[in-house]
Amino acid sequence: MRFRIDRRTSLALAFGIGMAASANLAGLSGTAQAAQNGAACGDWSAWRSFVARFVQADGRVIDYSTPTQQTTSEGQSYALFFALVANDRATFDKLLGWTRANLAGNQFDAQNVRLPAWQWGRKPDGSYGVLDANSASDSDLWIAYDLLQAGRLWHDSGYTQLGVALAERIARDEIVNLPGFGPMLLPGPQGFRTGNVTRLNPSYLPLPVLRALSHEVPDGPWAKLADNAYQFVKTVSPQGFAPDWAAWKSGQFVVDPKNGDVGSYDAIRVYLWAGLASPADPLAKPWLATLGGMRAKVAQNGFPPEKVSSTTGASSGEGPLSYWGALAPYFKALGDEHGLGLARTRLAALDANVPGREPVYYDGVLGLFGMGFIEGRYHFDEAGRLVPAWRTACD
């Protein structure tokens, strides 16, 4: 059964993500917009720093903050996405090759695709290998998405065929029909259904990814899943805060019986995905509106809470740098210049090299998502397709 390493370790200051402050493109003058386009078209030093610090030469992404020096399918899927944003096909292929060989047992082609194991690392005997063979559906979705977008942007049908095959495998093994509700994504194929209780994770359902899958694999459950995902997040976030986990029981969504109603290191991505969605998507505004609690809490306190109760709104602690990376697109989408300014200021700390403090994986990946977006290096269109700057502003 899948679990997540506690993200408290990401309170440490992280590696150098280039800080290029940028205003909302919609409000820029022609000169200023041209300047930002030029900045977004330049070398993405933050991606190079991430590769240098977290990616082995063979394409393995390592989370050094964990005792097992783990690699997760999540880390591989996010790095594949960033390689595509950076137009770094060589690294993309290394990441894909390592994932195929080590997480999917070399069963990862269009004719024979296996869901990748979610966790790989150092075993108790000191050897390295798969630590948990269960797959993680959010990572599987992102890998399928990355492959489909790579096929389109790099004009390679091999990526496309593998992406379609993986999406079909996800639909078969990781989507369940909740009675009276319809299709919903399981966190993984094993361990999340016990009796009449089905455990679910709101952060596993990024709207742009679901939209893209519905266009690329139109005979799948993806369009209906996008609608259901919004209803799910709305229902389990009554105070405007998403929980890390929730459950379906006896025909309704309920508090997760294992982790309760807390929203923290998983849930922070719910705000990120909402902020990244195209404004033209009919679900974008409603989705943002159902998550208004975080905006209000940051306006009140000057920082996001590390933990918050999704049912009462009670909060504690101060969220680390990874939270600011996730919230930067959320504030931008809301037109909240104050919140966005706070995020930019905090994320400047990602440039700091603090003696004795090692860079932290989760700060790194959410920082790349957030800063890459507000710097104009990528966005998603209404159909969920990736629009990288190198295909638009850099022509």
Protein backbone atom coordinates (compact mmCIF):
# COMPACT_ATOMS: atom_id res chain seq x y z
CA MET A 1 0.00 0.00 0.00
CA ARG A 2 1.40 3.33 -0.99
CA PHE A 3 2.50 5.92 1.55
CA ARG A 4 4.22 9.28 1.32
CA ILE A 5 7.42 10.30 3.07
CA ASP A 6 6.74 13.14 5.51
CA ARG A 7 7.51 16.40 3.74
CA ARG A 8 8.62 18.27 6.87
CA THR A 9 12.16 17.84 5.69
CA SER A 10 11.42 20.28 2.88
CA LEU A 11 11.54 23.11 5.40
CA ALA A 12 15.23 23.18 4.55
CA LEU A 13 16.30 25.80 2.04
CA ALA A 14 16.76 24.31 -1.38
CA PHE A 15 18.75 24.58 -4.56
CA GLY A 16 19.06 27.49 -6.96
CA ILE A 17 15.92 28.00 -8.95
CA GLY A 18 16.44 31.04 -11.14
CA MET A 19 14.36 33.94 -9.91
CA ALA A 20 13.01 35.90 -12.82
CA ALA A 21 10.17 38.02 -11.46
CA SER A 22 7.43 38.36 -14.05
CA ALA A 23 4.12 40.16 -14.21
CA ASN A 24 0.92 38.66 -15.55
CA LEU A 25 1.32 38.39 -19.32
CA ALA A 26 -2.19 39.61 -19.89
CA GLY A 27 -1.39 42.98 -18.37
CA LEU A 28 2.03 43.56 -19.86
CA SER A 29 2.90 46.23 -22.38
CA GLY A 30 4.27 45.05 -25.70
CA THR A 31 7.82 45.90 -24.68
CA ALA A 32 7.55 44.24 -21.28
CA GLN A 33 5.87 41.17 -22.75
CA ALA A 34 8.63 40.85 -25.33
CA ALA A 35 11.17 41.09 -22.51
CA GLN A 36 9.45 38.33 -20.54
CA ASN A 37 9.16 36.18 -23.64
CA GLY A 38 12.88 36.58 -24.15
CA ALA A 39 13.58 35.58 -20.56
CA ALA A 40 11.33 32.52 -20.87
CA CYS A 41 13.11 31.51 -24.07
CA GLY A 42 16.53 31.60 -22.48
CA ASP A 43 18.33 28.71 -20.87
CA TRP A 44 16.31 27.33 -17.95
CA SER A 45 19.03 27.37 -15.33
CA ALA A 46 16.63 26.08 -12.66
CA TRP A 47 16.08 22.90 -14.66
CA ARG A 48 19.82 22.43 -15.14
CA SER A 49 20.32 22.91 -11.39
CA PHE A 50 17.63 20.34 -10.66
CA VAL A 51 19.24 17.82 -13.01
CA ALA A 52 22.66 18.43 -11.49
CA ARG A 53 21.40 17.95 -7.94
CA PHE A 54 18.72 15.29 -8.24
CA VAL A 55 19.11 13.33 -11.49
CA GLN A 56 21.75 10.65 -11.99
CA ALA A 57 23.46 10.37 -15.36
CA ASP A 58 21.34 7.30 -16.13
CA GLY A 59 18.04 9.18 -15.61
CA ARG A 60 17.19 8.30 -12.02
CA VAL A 61 15.65 11.09 -9.88
CA ILE A 62 16.75 10.73 -6.25
CA ASP A 63 15.04 12.10 -3.14
CA TYR A 64 18.06 12.43 -0.87
CA SER A 65 15.95 13.46 2.14
CA THR A 66 14.77 9.86 2.59
CA PRO A 67 16.71 7.10 4.42
CA THR A 68 16.34 4.79 1.41
CA GLN A 69 17.61 7.42 -1.06
CA GLN A 70 14.36 6.69 -2.81
CA THR A 71 13.22 7.21 -6.34
CA THR A 72 9.49 7.48 -6.93
CA SER A 73 7.42 7.25 -10.07
CA GLU A 74 6.26 10.74 -9.08
CA GLY A 75 9.79 12.09 -9.34
CA GLN A 76 10.30 10.44 -12.72
CA SER A 77 6.97 11.75 -14.03
CA TYR A 78 7.58 15.34 -12.95
CA ALA A 79 11.12 15.35 -14.34
CA LEU A 80 9.81 14.05 -17.67
CA PHE A 81 7.42 16.99 -17.75
CA PHE A 82 10.14 19.54 -16.98
CA ALA A 83 12.42 18.02 -19.63
CA LEU A 84 9.64 18.58 -22.14
CA VAL A 85 9.14 22.17 -20.98
CA ALA A 86 12.91 22.68 -21.36
CA ASN A 87 13.00 20.99 -24.79
CA ASP A 88 15.58 18.63 -23.32
CA ARG A 89 14.93 15.44 -25.26
CA ALA A 90 18.17 13.77 -24.25
CA THR A 91 17.28 13.93 -20.56
CA PHE A 92 13.67 12.98 -21.31
CA ASP A 93 14.84 9.77 -22.98
CA LYS A 94 17.21 8.95 -20.10
CA LEU A 95 14.40 9.44 -17.58
CA LEU A 96 12.07 7.29 -19.65
CA GLY A 97 14.69 4.59 -20.11
CA TRP A 98 15.43 4.38 -16.39
CA THR A 99 11.72 4.23 -15.59
CA ARG A 100 11.18 1.48 -18.15
CA ALA A 101 14.07 -0.66 -16.91
CA ASN A 102 13.75 -0.21 -13.15
CA LEU A 103 10.12 0.64 -12.32
CA ALA A 104 8.41 -1.31 -15.11
CA GLY A 105 10.72 -4.30 -15.43
CA ASN A 106 11.31 -3.52 -19.11
CA GLN A 107 7.63 -4.12 -19.80
CA PHE A 108 6.95 -0.63 -21.03
CA ASP A 109 6.13 -0.46 -24.71
CA ALA A 110 2.91 0.05 -26.63
CA GLN A 111 2.32 -3.70 -27.00
CA ASN A 112 3.14 -4.61 -23.40
CA VAL A 113 2.83 -1.78 -20.90
CA ARG A 114 3.06 -2.36 -17.18
CA LEU A 115 2.20 0.19 -14.53
CA PRO A 116 5.49 1.31 -12.96
CA ALA A 117 6.26 0.58 -9.32
CA TRP A 118 5.93 3.73 -7.27
CA GLN A 119 8.97 3.31 -4.98
CA TRP A 120 12.56 2.17 -5.64
CA GLY A 121 15.62 2.56 -3.47
CA ARG A 122 17.99 1.03 -0.95
CA LYS A 123 16.76 -2.18 0.64
CA PRO A 124 17.56 -3.32 4.21
CA ASP A 125 20.36 -5.55 2.90
CA GLY A 126 22.00 -2.59 1.16
CA SER A 127 21.03 -3.57 -2.37
CA TYR A 128 18.86 -1.37 -4.56
CA GLY A 129 15.58 -2.21 -6.22
CA VAL A 130 11.81 -1.93 -6.04
CA LEU A 131 10.64 -1.22 -2.48
CA ASP A 132 6.92 -1.16 -3.22
CA ALA A 133 5.60 -2.65 -6.46
CA ASN A 134 2.20 -0.98 -6.20
CA SER A 135 1.81 1.83 -8.72
CA ALA A 136 0.80 5.43 -8.01
CA SER A 137 -1.97 6.58 -10.30
CA ASP A 138 -1.10 10.28 -10.24
CA SER A 139 2.39 9.51 -11.48
CA ASP A 140 1.00 7.12 -14.07
CA LEU A 141 -1.30 9.86 -15.36
CA TRP A 142 1.57 12.32 -15.60
CA ILE A 143 3.79 9.82 -17.45
CA ALA A 144 1.00 9.10 -19.93
CA TYR A 145 0.48 12.83 -20.36
CA ASP A 146 4.21 13.48 -20.82
CA LEU A 147 4.42 10.81 -23.51
CA LEU A 148 1.39 12.10 -25.40
CA GLN A 149 2.69 15.66 -25.33
CA ALA A 150 6.19 14.55 -26.32
CA GLY A 151 4.75 12.72 -29.29
CA ARG A 152 2.90 15.84 -30.40
CA LEU A 153 5.63 18.40 -29.73
CA TRP A 154 8.57 16.32 -30.95
CA HIS A 155 6.64 14.64 -33.78
CA ASP A 156 7.38 11.11 -32.65
CA SER A 157 4.54 8.59 -32.85
CA GLY A 158 6.45 6.14 -30.64
CA TYR A 159 5.87 8.35 -27.60
CA THR A 160 2.22 8.78 -28.58
CA GLN A 161 1.54 5.07 -28.92
CA LEU A 162 3.11 4.33 -25.55
CA GLY A 163 1.15 7.18 -23.95
CA VAL A 164 -2.13 5.84 -25.30
CA ALA A 165 -1.30 2.31 -24.14
CA LEU A 166 -0.45 3.56 -20.65
CA ALA A 167 -3.65 5.62 -20.45
CA GLU A 168 -5.66 2.56 -21.40
CA ARG A 169 -3.91 0.51 -18.74
CA ILE A 170 -4.64 3.19 -16.12
CA ALA A 171 -8.32 3.17 -17.14
CA ARG A 172 -8.41 -0.60 -16.74
CA ASP A 173 -6.51 -0.97 -13.47
CA GLU A 174 -6.76 2.31 -11.56
CA ILE A 175 -10.24 3.67 -12.23
CA VAL A 176 -13.24 2.41 -10.33
CA ASN A 177 -16.93 3.12 -10.76
CA LEU A 178 -18.30 4.50 -7.48
CA PRO A 179 -21.95 3.44 -7.18
CA GLY A 180 -24.21 6.42 -7.69
CA PHE A 181 -21.34 8.69 -8.69
CA GLY A 182 -19.35 7.27 -11.58
CA PRO A 183 -15.69 6.90 -12.48
CA MET A 184 -13.03 7.90 -9.97
CA LEU A 185 -9.29 7.42 -9.84
CA LEU A 186 -7.93 5.02 -7.25
CA PRO A 187 -4.57 6.06 -5.76
CA GLY A 188 -3.23 2.72 -6.98
CA PRO A 189 -4.54 -0.68 -8.04
CA GLN A 190 -3.96 -2.33 -4.65
CA GLY A 191 -4.78 -1.45 -1.05
CA PHE A 192 -7.32 1.37 -1.28
CA ARG A 193 -10.63 -0.51 -1.12
CA THR A 194 -11.67 -2.19 2.10
CA GLY A 195 -15.24 -3.36 2.44
CA ASN A 196 -17.47 -0.45 1.48
CA VAL A 197 -14.73 2.17 1.95
CA THR A 198 -12.70 3.49 -0.99
CA ARG A 199 -9.82 5.81 -0.09
CA LEU A 200 -9.04 8.63 -2.52
CA ASN A 201 -6.50 11.41 -2.94
CA PRO A 202 -7.67 14.84 -4.24
CA SER A 203 -4.14 15.82 -5.34
CA TYR A 204 -4.03 12.99 -7.89
CA LEU A 205 -6.43 14.71 -10.32
CA PRO A 206 -4.83 17.60 -12.26
CA LEU A 207 -7.45 19.08 -14.58
CA PRO A 208 -5.13 19.84 -17.55
CA VAL A 209 -3.91 16.24 -17.58
CA LEU A 210 -7.45 14.86 -17.53
CA ARG A 211 -8.49 17.22 -20.32
CA ALA A 212 -5.58 16.18 -22.51
CA LEU A 213 -6.29 12.50 -21.99
CA SER A 214 -9.93 13.04 -22.91
CA HIS A 215 -8.83 14.57 -26.22
CA GLU A 216 -6.08 12.06 -27.01
CA VAL A 217 -7.96 8.96 -25.83
CA PRO A 218 -11.59 10.02 -26.40
CA ASP A 219 -13.09 6.58 -25.80
CA GLY A 220 -11.79 6.52 -22.22
CA PRO A 221 -13.40 7.76 -18.97
CA TRP A 222 -11.36 10.97 -18.86
CA ALA A 223 -13.97 13.64 -19.63
CA LYS A 224 -16.38 12.24 -17.05
CA LEU A 225 -13.52 11.81 -14.59
CA ALA A 226 -12.67 15.53 -14.93
CA ASP A 227 -16.26 16.45 -14.02
CA ASN A 228 -16.28 14.01 -11.14
CA ALA A 229 -12.91 15.22 -9.90
CA TYR A 230 -14.28 18.75 -9.55
CA GLN A 231 -17.34 17.49 -7.64
CA PHE A 232 -15.09 15.41 -5.42
CA VAL A 233 -12.74 18.28 -4.55
CA LYS A 234 -15.65 20.66 -4.00
CA THR A 235 -17.41 18.23 -1.66
CA VAL A 236 -14.38 17.40 0.49
CA SER A 237 -13.24 21.05 0.79
CA PRO A 238 -16.19 22.70 2.59
CA GLN A 239 -14.02 25.42 4.15
CA GLY A 240 -12.03 26.07 0.98
CA PHE A 241 -9.16 23.76 2.00
CA ALA A 242 -8.43 20.44 0.33
CA PRO A 243 -7.55 17.40 2.47
CA ASP A 244 -4.65 15.07 1.71
CA TRP A 245 -7.02 12.12 1.65
CA ALA A 246 -10.77 11.46 1.66
CA ALA A 247 -12.97 8.41 1.22
CA TRP A 248 -16.17 7.19 -0.41
CA LYS A 249 -18.50 5.25 1.87
CA SER A 250 -22.16 4.30 1.59
CA GLY A 251 -22.82 6.59 -1.35
CA GLN A 252 -21.05 9.73 -0.13
CA PHE A 253 -17.65 11.30 0.38
CA VAL A 254 -16.46 11.17 3.99
CA VAL A 255 -13.39 12.00 6.04
CA ASP A 256 -10.58 9.54 5.41
CA PRO A 257 -10.64 6.86 8.12
CA LYS A 258 -6.85 6.58 8.17
CA ASN A 259 -5.47 10.13 7.89
CA GLY A 260 -8.47 12.21 8.93
CA ASP A 261 -9.31 15.59 7.43
CA VAL A 262 -5.83 17.13 7.43
CA GLY A 263 -4.58 18.97 4.36
CA SER A 264 -0.81 19.31 4.10
CA TYR A 265 2.00 18.08 1.83
CA ASP A 266 -0.17 16.13 -0.59
CA ALA A 267 -3.06 18.60 -0.68
CA ILE A 268 -0.89 21.60 -1.50
CA ARG A 269 -0.78 20.28 -5.07
CA VAL A 270 -4.55 20.64 -5.40
CA TYR A 271 -4.06 24.42 -5.41
CA LEU A 272 -1.18 24.08 -7.87
CA TRP A 273 -3.21 22.09 -10.40
CA ALA A 274 -6.11 24.54 -10.08
CA GLY A 275 -3.79 27.46 -10.75
CA LEU A 276 -2.27 25.79 -13.80
CA ALA A 277 -5.60 25.07 -15.52
CA SER A 278 -6.42 27.13 -18.59
CA PRO A 279 -8.78 30.04 -17.81
CA ALA A 280 -10.76 28.91 -20.87
CA ASP A 281 -11.57 25.58 -19.25
CA PRO A 282 -15.17 25.70 -17.98
CA LEU A 283 -14.10 24.08 -14.71
CA ALA A 284 -11.16 26.39 -14.03
CA LYS A 285 -13.00 29.22 -12.25
CA PRO A 286 -15.33 26.97 -10.23
CA TRP A 287 -12.38 24.83 -9.17
CA LEU A 288 -10.45 27.87 -7.97
CA ALA A 289 -13.52 29.21 -6.21
CA THR A 290 -13.93 26.05 -4.16
CA LEU A 291 -10.36 26.46 -2.83
CA GLY A 292 -10.64 30.02 -1.55
CA GLY A 293 -9.72 29.17 2.02
CA MET A 294 -6.01 29.06 1.28
CA ARG A 295 -6.01 32.52 -0.27
CA ALA A 296 -7.82 33.95 2.75
CA LYS A 297 -5.48 32.21 5.20
CA VAL A 298 -2.35 33.54 3.47
CA ALA A 299 -3.84 37.04 3.37
CA GLN A 300 -4.54 36.79 7.09
CA ASN A 301 -1.25 35.29 8.27
CA GLY A 302 1.25 36.13 5.54
CA PHE A 303 2.07 32.45 4.97
CA PRO A 304 0.29 29.18 4.14
CA PRO A 305 -0.38 26.81 7.04
CA GLU A 306 1.60 23.60 7.11
CA LYS A 307 -1.52 21.73 8.18
CA VAL A 308 -5.18 22.65 8.01
CA SER A 309 -8.43 20.89 8.84
CA SER A 310 -10.56 20.65 5.73
CA THR A 311 -13.73 20.39 7.81
CA THR A 312 -13.15 23.22 10.32
CA GLY A 313 -10.45 25.41 8.74
CA ALA A 314 -8.30 25.25 11.88
CA SER A 315 -4.64 25.45 10.95
CA SER A 316 -1.17 25.05 12.42
CA GLY A 317 2.45 25.54 11.44
CA GLU A 318 4.01 27.37 8.52
CA GLY A 319 4.30 25.74 5.14
CA PRO A 320 7.80 25.35 3.66
CA LEU A 321 9.16 26.56 0.33
CA SER A 322 7.44 23.80 -1.60
CA TYR A 323 4.09 25.31 -0.60
CA TRP A 324 5.03 28.66 -2.12
CA GLY A 325 6.01 26.92 -5.34
CA ALA A 326 2.60 25.28 -5.49
CA LEU A 327 0.72 28.46 -4.61
CA ALA A 328 2.40 30.84 -7.07
CA PRO A 329 0.22 29.72 -10.05
CA TYR A 330 -2.84 29.67 -7.77
CA PHE A 331 -2.31 33.31 -6.81
CA LYS A 332 -1.61 34.25 -10.42
CA ALA A 333 -4.80 32.57 -11.63
CA LEU A 334 -6.78 34.40 -8.93
CA GLY A 335 -5.25 37.74 -9.90
CA ASP A 336 -3.97 38.04 -6.34
CA GLU A 337 -0.89 40.23 -6.77
CA HIS A 338 -0.26 40.40 -3.02
CA GLY A 339 -0.15 36.63 -2.66
CA LEU A 340 1.91 36.27 -5.82
CA GLY A 341 4.37 38.85 -4.53
CA LEU A 342 4.75 36.94 -1.27
CA ALA A 343 5.37 33.75 -3.23
CA ARG A 344 8.04 35.37 -5.38
CA THR A 345 9.79 36.77 -2.32
CA ARG A 346 9.81 33.42 -0.51
CA LEU A 347 10.90 31.50 -3.60
CA ALA A 348 13.93 33.76 -3.90
CA ALA A 349 15.29 31.68 -1.01
CA LEU A 350 15.58 28.77 -3.41
CA ASP A 351 18.62 30.61 -4.80
CA ALA A 352 20.35 30.59 -1.45
CA ASN A 353 23.23 28.22 -0.84
CA VAL A 354 23.08 27.71 2.90
CA PRO A 355 26.07 25.87 4.39
CA GLY A 356 25.07 22.57 5.94
CA ARG A 357 21.65 22.49 4.29
CA GLU A 358 21.09 20.18 1.39
CA PRO A 359 18.60 20.90 -1.41
CA VAL A 360 15.26 19.18 -0.92
CA TYR A 361 13.43 17.25 -3.64
CA TYR A 362 9.88 18.46 -2.93
CA ASP A 363 10.95 22.10 -2.80
CA GLY A 364 12.69 21.52 -6.10
CA VAL A 365 9.85 19.97 -8.08
CA LEU A 366 7.10 22.29 -6.83
CA GLY A 367 9.45 25.23 -7.29
CA LEU A 368 9.96 24.24 -10.93
CA PHE A 369 6.21 23.91 -11.49
CA GLY A 370 5.48 27.27 -9.88
CA MET A 371 8.34 29.43 -11.11
CA GLY A 372 8.32 27.90 -14.57
CA PHE A 373 4.67 28.83 -14.90
CA ILE A 374 4.81 32.41 -13.61
CA GLU A 375 7.96 33.04 -15.65
CA GLY A 376 5.99 32.12 -18.77
CA ARG A 377 7.98 29.03 -19.65
CA TYR A 378 4.83 26.97 -20.16
CA HIS A 379 1.08 26.97 -19.88
CA PHE A 380 -1.82 24.67 -20.78
CA ASP A 381 -4.51 25.37 -23.36
CA GLU A 382 -8.22 24.62 -23.00
CA ALA A 383 -7.69 21.06 -24.25
CA GLY A 384 -4.99 20.48 -21.63
CA ARG A 385 -2.19 20.49 -24.18
CA LEU A 386 1.19 21.72 -23.04
CA VAL A 387 2.23 25.02 -24.63
CA PRO A 388 5.95 25.50 -23.90
CA ALA A 389 7.60 28.84 -24.60
CA TRP A 390 10.00 27.22 -27.05
CA ARG A 391 7.05 26.47 -29.34
CA THR A 392 5.44 29.91 -29.13
CA ALA A 393 7.28 32.96 -27.82
CA CYS A 394 10.65 31.60 -28.90
CA ASP A 395 9.81 31.17 -32.60
